C-alpha atoms as a PDB file:
ATOM      1  CA  MET A   1     -34.444 -11.080  13.774  1.00  0.00           C
ATOM      2  CA  ARG A   2     -38.219  -9.763  15.137  1.00  0.00           C
ATOM      3  CA  ASN A   3     -39.537 -11.272  12.018  1.00  0.00           C
ATOM      4  CA  LEU A   4     -37.881 -14.823  13.037  1.00  0.00           C
ATOM      5  CA  ILE A   5     -38.714 -14.680  16.828  1.00  0.00           C
ATOM      6  CA  GLY A   6     -42.450 -14.066  15.348  1.00  0.00           C
ATOM      7  CA  THR A   7     -42.279 -16.545  13.130  1.00  0.00           C
ATOM      8  CA  ALA A   8     -40.966 -19.209  15.435  1.00  0.00           C
ATOM      9  CA  VAL A   9     -43.138 -18.407  18.340  1.00  0.00           C
ATOM     10  CA  GLY A  10     -46.441 -18.603  16.090  1.00  0.00           C
ATOM     11  CA  ALA A  11     -45.370 -22.002  14.665  1.00  0.00           C
ATOM     12  CA  ALA A  12     -45.095 -23.393  18.521  1.00  0.00           C
ATOM     13  CA  ILE A  13     -48.743 -21.866  19.354  1.00  0.00           C
ATOM     14  CA  ASP A  14     -49.810 -23.320  16.426  1.00  0.00           C
ATOM     15  CA  ARG A  15     -48.069 -26.705  16.559  1.00  0.00           C
ATOM     16  CA  ARG A  16     -49.753 -26.646  20.116  1.00  0.00           C
ATOM     17  CA  ASP A  17     -53.185 -27.627  18.177  1.00  0.00           C
ATOM     18  CA  GLY A  18     -51.823 -30.403  16.511  1.00  0.00           C
ATOM     19  CA  ASP A  19     -51.302 -28.498  12.867  1.00  0.00           C
ATOM     20  CA  SER A  20     -48.324 -28.057  11.212  1.00  0.00           C
ATOM     21  CA  GLY A  21     -47.070 -24.919  12.186  1.00  0.00           C
ATOM     22  CA  VAL A  22     -47.000 -23.166   8.860  1.00  0.00           C
ATOM     23  CA  LYS A  23     -50.016 -20.822   9.804  1.00  0.00           C
ATOM     24  CA  GLY A  24     -48.987 -20.194  12.844  1.00  0.00           C
ATOM     25  CA  ALA A  25     -45.476 -18.987  11.330  1.00  0.00           C
ATOM     26  CA  ILE A  26     -47.443 -16.732   8.628  1.00  0.00           C
ATOM     27  CA  ILE A  27     -49.510 -14.964  11.492  1.00  0.00           C
ATOM     28  CA  GLY A  28     -46.331 -14.695  13.722  1.00  0.00           C
ATOM     29  CA  TYR A  29     -44.831 -12.989  10.818  1.00  0.00           C
ATOM     30  CA  VAL A  30     -47.407 -10.790  10.697  1.00  0.00           C
ATOM     31  CA  ALA A  31     -48.040 -10.076  14.162  1.00  0.00           C
ATOM     32  CA  SER A  32     -44.136  -8.786  14.427  1.00  0.00           C
ATOM     33  CA  GLY A  33     -44.787  -6.716  11.369  1.00  0.00           C
ATOM     34  CA  ALA A  34     -47.919  -5.137  12.859  1.00  0.00           C
ATOM     35  CA  LEU A  35     -46.811  -4.938  15.918  1.00  0.00           C
ATOM     36  CA  LYS A  36     -44.192  -2.796  14.825  1.00  0.00           C
ATOM     37  CA  THR A  37     -46.149  -0.420  12.913  1.00  0.00           C
ATOM     38  CA  VAL A  38     -48.716   0.105  16.031  1.00  0.00           C
ATOM     39  CA  ALA A  39     -45.337   1.146  17.741  1.00  0.00           C
ATOM     40  CA  LYS A  40     -44.384   3.918  15.720  1.00  0.00           C
ATOM     41  CA  LEU A  41     -48.305   5.293  15.474  1.00  0.00           C
ATOM     42  CA  GLY A  42     -48.269   5.085  19.336  1.00  0.00           C
ATOM     43  CA  LEU A  43     -45.074   7.002  19.454  1.00  0.00           C
ATOM     44  CA  LEU A  44     -46.390   9.135  17.269  1.00  0.00           C
ATOM     45  CA  ALA A  45     -49.718   9.631  18.497  1.00  0.00           C
ATOM     46  CA  ALA A  46     -47.860  10.378  21.853  1.00  0.00           C
ATOM     47  CA  ILE A  47     -45.865  12.953  20.677  1.00  0.00           C
ATOM     48  CA  ALA A  48     -48.900  14.741  18.937  1.00  0.00           C
ATOM     49  CA  ALA A  49     -50.440  14.943  22.326  1.00  0.00           C
ATOM     50  CA  GLY A  50     -47.785  16.269  24.313  1.00  0.00           C
ATOM     51  CA  ALA A  51     -47.329  18.815  21.527  1.00  0.00           C
ATOM     52  CA  TYR A  52     -50.835  19.689  21.592  1.00  0.00           C
ATOM     53  CA  ARG A  53     -51.037  20.085  25.274  1.00  0.00           C
ATOM     54  CA  LEU A  54     -47.543  22.327  25.128  1.00  0.00           C
ATOM     55  CA  VAL A  55     -49.517  24.647  22.909  1.00  0.00           C
ATOM     56  CA  ARG A  56     -52.953  24.691  24.520  1.00  0.00           C
ATOM     57  CA  LYS A  57     -51.598  25.597  28.229  1.00  0.00           C
ATOM     58  CA  SER A  58     -49.258  28.237  26.183  1.00  0.00           C
ATOM     59  CA  ASP A  59     -52.277  29.508  25.113  1.00  0.00           C
ATOM     60  CA  LYS A  60     -54.067  30.447  27.995  1.00  0.00           C
ATOM     61  CA  PRO A  61     -53.267  33.809  29.943  1.00  0.00           C
ATOM     62  CA  GLN A  62     -50.919  34.077  32.439  1.00  0.00           C
ATOM     63  CA  ALA A  63     -51.858  35.725  35.840  1.00  0.00           C
ATOM     64  CA  THR A  64     -49.572  38.575  36.862  1.00  0.00           C
ATOM     65  CA  TYR A  65     -48.951  39.145  40.498  1.00  0.00           C
END
């Protein structure tokens, strides 16, 4: 479904310039796939950063009172 939306949006943007919209449809299709990949990588990076901070925080010596 997202690929269809990306394709339609890309074609509409490309038609604004007076072109046929085929190139825009292809770019929209590729962009929607790239967006999914980047979102997954961003989520993975956020989880990794959280885990890293958790480990760094637990390495510090605790003050005892």
